[in-house]
Amino acid sequence: GMTRFSDFERRLGVAPNILAKRLDGFVADGL
């Protein structure tokens, strides 16, 4: 049920720039 950038970043340990790119891509692709 994660929705917040900070939760994804903390749980996954993914770099913020990569996470932002993936999330923005999901929004652009309608996911």
ModelCIF file with pLDDT and N, C-alpha, C, O atoms, coordinates in Angstrom:
data_MODEL
#
_entry.id   MODEL 
#
_entity.id                         1 
_entity.type                       polymer 
_entity.pdbx_number_of_molecules   1 
#
_entity_poly.entity_id                      1 
_entity_poly.type                           'polypeptide(L)' 
_entity_poly.nstd_linkage                   no 
_entity_poly.nstd_monomer                   no 
_entity_poly.pdbx_seq_one_letter_code       GMTRFSDFERRLGVAPNILAKRLDGFVADGL 
_entity_poly.pdbx_seq_one_letter_code_can   GMTRFSDFERRLGVAPNILAKRLDGFVADGL 
_entity_poly.pdbx_strand_id                 A 
#
loop_
_entity_poly_seq.entity_id 
_entity_poly_seq.num 
_entity_poly_seq.mon_id 
_entity_poly_seq.hetero 
1 1  GLY n 
1 2  MET n 
1 3  THR n 
1 4  ARG n 
1 5  PHE n 
1 6  SER n 
1 7  ASP n 
1 8  PHE n 
1 9  GLU n 
1 10 ARG n 
1 11 ARG n 
1 12 LEU n 
1 13 GLY n 
1 14 VAL n 
1 15 ALA n 
1 16 PRO n 
1 17 ASN n 
1 18 ILE n 
1 19 LEU n 
1 20 ALA n 
1 21 LYS n 
1 22 ARG n 
1 23 LEU n 
1 24 ASP n 
1 25 GLY n 
1 26 PHE n 
1 27 VAL n 
1 28 ALA n 
1 29 ASP n 
1 30 GLY n 
1 31 LEU n 
#
_struct_asym.id          A 
_struct_asym.entity_id   1 
#
loop_
_ma_qa_metric.id 
_ma_qa_metric.mode 
_ma_qa_metric.name 
_ma_qa_metric.software_group_id 
_ma_qa_metric.type 
1 global pLDDT . pLDDT 
2 local  pLDDT . pLDDT 
#
_ma_qa_metric_global.metric_id      1 
_ma_qa_metric_global.metric_value   97.32 
_ma_qa_metric_global.model_id       1 
_ma_qa_metric_global.ordinal_id     1 
#
loop_
_ma_qa_metric_local.label_asym_id 
_ma_qa_metric_local.label_comp_id 
_ma_qa_metric_local.label_seq_id 
_ma_qa_metric_local.metric_id 
_ma_qa_metric_local.metric_value 
_ma_qa_metric_local.model_id 
_ma_qa_metric_local.ordinal_id 
A GLY 1  2 97.00 1 1  
A MET 2  2 98.00 1 2  
A THR 3  2 98.00 1 3  
A ARG 4  2 98.00 1 4  
A PHE 5  2 97.00 1 5  
A SER 6  2 97.00 1 6  
A ASP 7  2 97.00 1 7  
A PHE 8  2 98.00 1 8  
A GLU 9  2 97.00 1 9  
A ARG 10 2 97.00 1 10 
A ARG 11 2 97.00 1 11 
A LEU 12 2 97.00 1 12 
A GLY 13 2 97.00 1 13 
A VAL 14 2 97.00 1 14 
A ALA 15 2 97.00 1 15 
A PRO 16 2 97.00 1 16 
A ASN 17 2 97.00 1 17 
A ILE 18 2 97.00 1 18 
A LEU 19 2 98.00 1 19 
A ALA 20 2 97.00 1 20 
A LYS 21 2 97.00 1 21 
A ARG 22 2 97.00 1 22 
A LEU 23 2 98.00 1 23 
A ASP 24 2 97.00 1 24 
A GLY 25 2 97.00 1 25 
A PHE 26 2 98.00 1 26 
A VAL 27 2 98.00 1 27 
A ALA 28 2 97.00 1 28 
A ASP 29 2 97.00 1 29 
A GLY 30 2 98.00 1 30 
A LEU 31 2 98.00 1 31 
#
loop_
_atom_site.group_PDB 
_atom_site.id 
_atom_site.type_symbol 
_atom_site.label_atom_id 
_atom_site.label_alt_id 
_atom_site.label_comp_id 
_atom_site.label_asym_id 
_atom_site.label_entity_id 
_atom_site.label_seq_id 
_atom_site.pdbx_PDB_ins_code 
_atom_site.Cartn_x 
_atom_site.Cartn_y 
_atom_site.Cartn_z 
_atom_site.occupancy 
_atom_site.B_iso_or_equiv 
_atom_site.pdbx_formal_charge 
_atom_site.auth_seq_id 
_atom_site.auth_comp_id 
_atom_site.auth_asym_id 
_atom_site.auth_atom_id 
_atom_site.pdbx_PDB_model_num 
ATOM 1   N N  . GLY A 1 1  ? 0.792  -1.224 0.000   1.00 97.00 ? 1  GLY A N  1 
ATOM 2   C CA . GLY A 1 1  ? 0.000  0.000  0.000   1.00 97.00 ? 1  GLY A CA 1 
ATOM 3   C C  . GLY A 1 1  ? 0.827  1.277  0.000   1.00 97.00 ? 1  GLY A C  1 
ATOM 4   O O  . GLY A 1 1  ? 0.324  2.335  0.378   1.00 97.00 ? 1  GLY A O  1 
ATOM 5   N N  . MET A 1 2  ? 2.070  1.197  -0.412  1.00 98.00 ? 2  MET A N  1 
ATOM 6   C CA . MET A 1 2  ? 2.913  2.393  -0.413  1.00 98.00 ? 2  MET A CA 1 
ATOM 7   C C  . MET A 1 2  ? 2.454  3.381  -1.475  1.00 98.00 ? 2  MET A C  1 
ATOM 8   O O  . MET A 1 2  ? 2.063  3.000  -2.578  1.00 98.00 ? 2  MET A O  1 
ATOM 9   N N  . THR A 1 3  ? 2.509  4.646  -1.118  1.00 98.00 ? 3  THR A N  1 
ATOM 10  C CA . THR A 1 3  ? 2.152  5.712  -2.044  1.00 98.00 ? 3  THR A CA 1 
ATOM 11  C C  . THR A 1 3  ? 3.143  6.869  -2.010  1.00 98.00 ? 3  THR A C  1 
ATOM 12  O O  . THR A 1 3  ? 3.191  7.664  -2.949  1.00 98.00 ? 3  THR A O  1 
ATOM 13  N N  . ARG A 1 4  ? 3.921  6.976  -0.965  1.00 98.00 ? 4  ARG A N  1 
ATOM 14  C CA . ARG A 1 4  ? 4.807  8.135  -0.790  1.00 98.00 ? 4  ARG A CA 1 
ATOM 15  C C  . ARG A 1 4  ? 6.230  7.844  -1.243  1.00 98.00 ? 4  ARG A C  1 
ATOM 16  O O  . ARG A 1 4  ? 6.773  6.762  -1.021  1.00 98.00 ? 4  ARG A O  1 
ATOM 17  N N  . PHE A 1 5  ? 6.806  8.841  -1.880  1.00 97.00 ? 5  PHE A N  1 
ATOM 18  C CA . PHE A 1 5  ? 8.177  8.750  -2.371  1.00 97.00 ? 5  PHE A CA 1 
ATOM 19  C C  . PHE A 1 5  ? 9.111  8.294  -1.257  1.00 97.00 ? 5  PHE A C  1 
ATOM 20  O O  . PHE A 1 5  ? 9.907  7.374  -1.444  1.00 97.00 ? 5  PHE A O  1 
ATOM 21  N N  . SER A 1 6  ? 9.011  8.940  -0.097  1.00 97.00 ? 6  SER A N  1 
ATOM 22  C CA . SER A 1 6  ? 9.922  8.635  1.011   1.00 97.00 ? 6  SER A CA 1 
ATOM 23  C C  . SER A 1 6  ? 9.784  7.187  1.482   1.00 97.00 ? 6  SER A C  1 
ATOM 24  O O  . SER A 1 6  ? 10.775 6.577  1.885   1.00 97.00 ? 6  SER A O  1 
ATOM 25  N N  . ASP A 1 7  ? 8.579  6.631  1.438   1.00 97.00 ? 7  ASP A N  1 
ATOM 26  C CA . ASP A 1 7  ? 8.394  5.233  1.847   1.00 97.00 ? 7  ASP A CA 1 
ATOM 27  C C  . ASP A 1 7  ? 9.063  4.279  0.860   1.00 97.00 ? 7  ASP A C  1 
ATOM 28  O O  . ASP A 1 7  ? 9.733  3.332  1.273   1.00 97.00 ? 7  ASP A O  1 
ATOM 29  N N  . PHE A 1 8  ? 8.886  4.519  -0.434  1.00 98.00 ? 8  PHE A N  1 
ATOM 30  C CA . PHE A 1 8  ? 9.549  3.688  -1.443  1.00 98.00 ? 8  PHE A CA 1 
ATOM 31  C C  . PHE A 1 8  ? 11.070 3.784  -1.275  1.00 98.00 ? 8  PHE A C  1 
ATOM 32  O O  . PHE A 1 8  ? 11.774 2.775  -1.294  1.00 98.00 ? 8  PHE A O  1 
ATOM 33  N N  . GLU A 1 9  ? 11.558 5.013  -1.111  1.00 97.00 ? 9  GLU A N  1 
ATOM 34  C CA . GLU A 1 9  ? 12.999 5.242  -0.992  1.00 97.00 ? 9  GLU A CA 1 
ATOM 35  C C  . GLU A 1 9  ? 13.565 4.526  0.231   1.00 97.00 ? 9  GLU A C  1 
ATOM 36  O O  . GLU A 1 9  ? 14.594 3.857  0.137   1.00 97.00 ? 9  GLU A O  1 
ATOM 37  N N  . ARG A 1 10 ? 12.910 4.660  1.359   1.00 97.00 ? 10 ARG A N  1 
ATOM 38  C CA . ARG A 1 10 ? 13.382 4.051  2.607   1.00 97.00 ? 10 ARG A CA 1 
ATOM 39  C C  . ARG A 1 10 ? 13.325 2.525  2.536   1.00 97.00 ? 10 ARG A C  1 
ATOM 40  O O  . ARG A 1 10 ? 14.290 1.859  2.912   1.00 97.00 ? 10 ARG A O  1 
ATOM 41  N N  . ARG A 1 11 ? 12.225 1.965  2.067   1.00 97.00 ? 11 ARG A N  1 
ATOM 42  C CA . ARG A 1 11 ? 12.045 0.515  2.054   1.00 97.00 ? 11 ARG A CA 1 
ATOM 43  C C  . ARG A 1 11 ? 12.952 -0.173 1.037   1.00 97.00 ? 11 ARG A C  1 
ATOM 44  O O  . ARG A 1 11 ? 13.513 -1.234 1.312   1.00 97.00 ? 11 ARG A O  1 
ATOM 45  N N  . LEU A 1 12 ? 13.090 0.437  -0.135  1.00 97.00 ? 12 LEU A N  1 
ATOM 46  C CA . LEU A 1 12 ? 13.858 -0.203 -1.203  1.00 97.00 ? 12 LEU A CA 1 
ATOM 47  C C  . LEU A 1 12 ? 15.339 0.181  -1.210  1.00 97.00 ? 12 LEU A C  1 
ATOM 48  O O  . LEU A 1 12 ? 16.169 -0.578 -1.710  1.00 97.00 ? 12 LEU A O  1 
ATOM 49  N N  . GLY A 1 13 ? 15.674 1.340  -0.668  1.00 97.00 ? 13 GLY A N  1 
ATOM 50  C CA . GLY A 1 13 ? 17.061 1.788  -0.718  1.00 97.00 ? 13 GLY A CA 1 
ATOM 51  C C  . GLY A 1 13 ? 17.492 2.217  -2.110  1.00 97.00 ? 13 GLY A C  1 
ATOM 52  O O  . GLY A 1 13 ? 18.683 2.221  -2.421  1.00 97.00 ? 13 GLY A O  1 
ATOM 53  N N  . VAL A 1 14 ? 16.535 2.576  -2.941  1.00 97.00 ? 14 VAL A N  1 
ATOM 54  C CA . VAL A 1 14 ? 16.823 3.008  -4.302  1.00 97.00 ? 14 VAL A CA 1 
ATOM 55  C C  . VAL A 1 14 ? 17.218 4.491  -4.289  1.00 97.00 ? 14 VAL A C  1 
ATOM 56  O O  . VAL A 1 14 ? 16.691 5.284  -3.509  1.00 97.00 ? 14 VAL A O  1 
ATOM 57  N N  . ALA A 1 15 ? 18.152 4.840  -5.167  1.00 97.00 ? 15 ALA A N  1 
ATOM 58  C CA . ALA A 1 15 ? 18.599 6.229  -5.260  1.00 97.00 ? 15 ALA A CA 1 
ATOM 59  C C  . ALA A 1 15 ? 17.424 7.135  -5.624  1.00 97.00 ? 15 ALA A C  1 
ATOM 60  O O  . ALA A 1 15 ? 16.589 6.759  -6.447  1.00 97.00 ? 15 ALA A O  1 
ATOM 61  N N  . PRO A 1 16 ? 17.348 8.320  -5.024  1.00 97.00 ? 16 PRO A N  1 
ATOM 62  C CA . PRO A 1 16 ? 16.213 9.215  -5.277  1.00 97.00 ? 16 PRO A CA 1 
ATOM 63  C C  . PRO A 1 16 ? 16.023 9.575  -6.744  1.00 97.00 ? 16 PRO A C  1 
ATOM 64  O O  . PRO A 1 16 ? 14.887 9.679  -7.206  1.00 97.00 ? 16 PRO A O  1 
ATOM 65  N N  . ASN A 1 17 ? 17.114 9.768  -7.490  1.00 97.00 ? 17 ASN A N  1 
ATOM 66  C CA . ASN A 1 17 ? 16.966 10.133 -8.908  1.00 97.00 ? 17 ASN A CA 1 
ATOM 67  C C  . ASN A 1 17 ? 16.373 8.976  -9.717  1.00 97.00 ? 17 ASN A C  1 
ATOM 68  O O  . ASN A 1 17 ? 15.572 9.197  -10.625 1.00 97.00 ? 17 ASN A O  1 
ATOM 69  N N  . ILE A 1 18 ? 16.763 7.756  -9.390  1.00 97.00 ? 18 ILE A N  1 
ATOM 70  C CA . ILE A 1 18 ? 16.215 6.585  -10.084 1.00 97.00 ? 18 ILE A CA 1 
ATOM 71  C C  . ILE A 1 18 ? 14.740 6.416  -9.720  1.00 97.00 ? 18 ILE A C  1 
ATOM 72  O O  . ILE A 1 18 ? 13.902 6.179  -10.590 1.00 97.00 ? 18 ILE A O  1 
ATOM 73  N N  . LEU A 1 19 ? 14.433 6.540  -8.432  1.00 98.00 ? 19 LEU A N  1 
ATOM 74  C CA . LEU A 1 19 ? 13.047 6.400  -7.977  1.00 98.00 ? 19 LEU A CA 1 
ATOM 75  C C  . LEU A 1 19 ? 12.148 7.447  -8.638  1.00 98.00 ? 19 LEU A C  1 
ATOM 76  O O  . LEU A 1 19 ? 11.055 7.129  -9.107  1.00 98.00 ? 19 LEU A O  1 
ATOM 77  N N  . ALA A 1 20 ? 12.612 8.680  -8.669  1.00 97.00 ? 20 ALA A N  1 
ATOM 78  C CA . ALA A 1 20 ? 11.819 9.747  -9.301  1.00 97.00 ? 20 ALA A CA 1 
ATOM 79  C C  . ALA A 1 20 ? 11.572 9.440  -10.773 1.00 97.00 ? 20 ALA A C  1 
ATOM 80  O O  . ALA A 1 20 ? 10.470 9.651  -11.280 1.00 97.00 ? 20 ALA A O  1 
ATOM 81  N N  . LYS A 1 21 ? 12.598 8.942  -11.455 1.00 97.00 ? 21 LYS A N  1 
ATOM 82  C CA . LYS A 1 21 ? 12.448 8.606  -12.876 1.00 97.00 ? 21 LYS A CA 1 
ATOM 83  C C  . LYS A 1 21 ? 11.428 7.492  -13.065 1.00 97.00 ? 21 LYS A C  1 
ATOM 84  O O  . LYS A 1 21 ? 10.585 7.577  -13.958 1.00 97.00 ? 21 LYS A O  1 
ATOM 85  N N  . ARG A 1 22 ? 11.487 6.449  -12.239 1.00 97.00 ? 22 ARG A N  1 
ATOM 86  C CA . ARG A 1 22 ? 10.548 5.335  -12.362 1.00 97.00 ? 22 ARG A CA 1 
ATOM 87  C C  . ARG A 1 22 ? 9.115  5.802  -12.061 1.00 97.00 ? 22 ARG A C  1 
ATOM 88  O O  . ARG A 1 22 ? 8.192  5.495  -12.814 1.00 97.00 ? 22 ARG A O  1 
ATOM 89  N N  . LEU A 1 23 ? 8.935  6.531  -10.976 1.00 98.00 ? 23 LEU A N  1 
ATOM 90  C CA . LEU A 1 23 ? 7.591  6.986  -10.612 1.00 98.00 ? 23 LEU A CA 1 
ATOM 91  C C  . LEU A 1 23 ? 7.018  7.922  -11.674 1.00 98.00 ? 23 LEU A C  1 
ATOM 92  O O  . LEU A 1 23 ? 5.850  7.805  -12.043 1.00 98.00 ? 23 LEU A O  1 
ATOM 93  N N  . ASP A 1 24 ? 7.833  8.841  -12.159 1.00 97.00 ? 24 ASP A N  1 
ATOM 94  C CA . ASP A 1 24 ? 7.365  9.737  -13.228 1.00 97.00 ? 24 ASP A CA 1 
ATOM 95  C C  . ASP A 1 24 ? 6.991  8.943  -14.476 1.00 97.00 ? 24 ASP A C  1 
ATOM 96  O O  . ASP A 1 24 ? 6.010  9.263  -15.147 1.00 97.00 ? 24 ASP A O  1 
ATOM 97  N N  . GLY A 1 25 ? 7.770  7.910  -14.787 1.00 97.00 ? 25 GLY A N  1 
ATOM 98  C CA . GLY A 1 25 ? 7.454  7.054  -15.935 1.00 97.00 ? 25 GLY A CA 1 
ATOM 99  C C  . GLY A 1 25 ? 6.145  6.310  -15.738 1.00 97.00 ? 25 GLY A C  1 
ATOM 100 O O  . GLY A 1 25 ? 5.357  6.172  -16.673 1.00 97.00 ? 25 GLY A O  1 
ATOM 101 N N  . PHE A 1 26 ? 5.910  5.824  -14.503 1.00 98.00 ? 26 PHE A N  1 
ATOM 102 C CA . PHE A 1 26 ? 4.652  5.123  -14.221 1.00 98.00 ? 26 PHE A CA 1 
ATOM 103 C C  . PHE A 1 26 ? 3.465  6.057  -14.390 1.00 98.00 ? 26 PHE A C  1 
ATOM 104 O O  . PHE A 1 26 ? 2.418  5.652  -14.896 1.00 98.00 ? 26 PHE A O  1 
ATOM 105 N N  . VAL A 1 27 ? 3.624  7.311  -13.967 1.00 98.00 ? 27 VAL A N  1 
ATOM 106 C CA . VAL A 1 27 ? 2.549  8.294  -14.142 1.00 98.00 ? 27 VAL A CA 1 
ATOM 107 C C  . VAL A 1 27 ? 2.330  8.549  -15.634 1.00 98.00 ? 27 VAL A C  1 
ATOM 108 O O  . VAL A 1 27 ? 1.191  8.548  -16.101 1.00 98.00 ? 27 VAL A O  1 
ATOM 109 N N  . ALA A 1 28 ? 3.405  8.764  -16.379 1.00 97.00 ? 28 ALA A N  1 
ATOM 110 C CA . ALA A 1 28 ? 3.298  9.036  -17.822 1.00 97.00 ? 28 ALA A CA 1 
ATOM 111 C C  . ALA A 1 28 ? 2.673  7.860  -18.567 1.00 97.00 ? 28 ALA A C  1 
ATOM 112 O O  . ALA A 1 28 ? 1.953  8.062  -19.545 1.00 97.00 ? 28 ALA A O  1 
ATOM 113 N N  . ASP A 1 29 ? 2.938  6.635  -18.116 1.00 97.00 ? 29 ASP A N  1 
ATOM 114 C CA . ASP A 1 29 ? 2.423  5.437  -18.787 1.00 97.00 ? 29 ASP A CA 1 
ATOM 115 C C  . ASP A 1 29 ? 1.068  4.971  -18.246 1.00 97.00 ? 29 ASP A C  1 
ATOM 116 O O  . ASP A 1 29 ? 0.542  3.949  -18.687 1.00 97.00 ? 29 ASP A O  1 
ATOM 117 N N  . GLY A 1 30 ? 0.504  5.716  -17.293 1.00 98.00 ? 30 GLY A N  1 
ATOM 118 C CA . GLY A 1 30 ? -0.823 5.394  -16.794 1.00 98.00 ? 30 GLY A CA 1 
ATOM 119 C C  . GLY A 1 30 ? -0.883 4.276  -15.771 1.00 98.00 ? 30 GLY A C  1 
ATOM 120 O O  . GLY A 1 30 ? -1.956 3.724  -15.525 1.00 98.00 ? 30 GLY A O  1 
ATOM 121 N N  . LEU A 1 31 ? 0.255  3.928  -15.165 1.00 98.00 ? 31 LEU A N  1 
ATOM 122 C CA . LEU A 1 31 ? 0.262  2.897  -14.123 1.00 98.00 ? 31 LEU A CA 1 
ATOM 123 C C  . LEU A 1 31 ? -0.033 3.492  -12.754 1.00 98.00 ? 31 LEU A C  1 
ATOM 124 O O  . LEU A 1 31 ? -0.067 2.766  -11.760 1.00 98.00 ? 31 LEU A O  1 
#
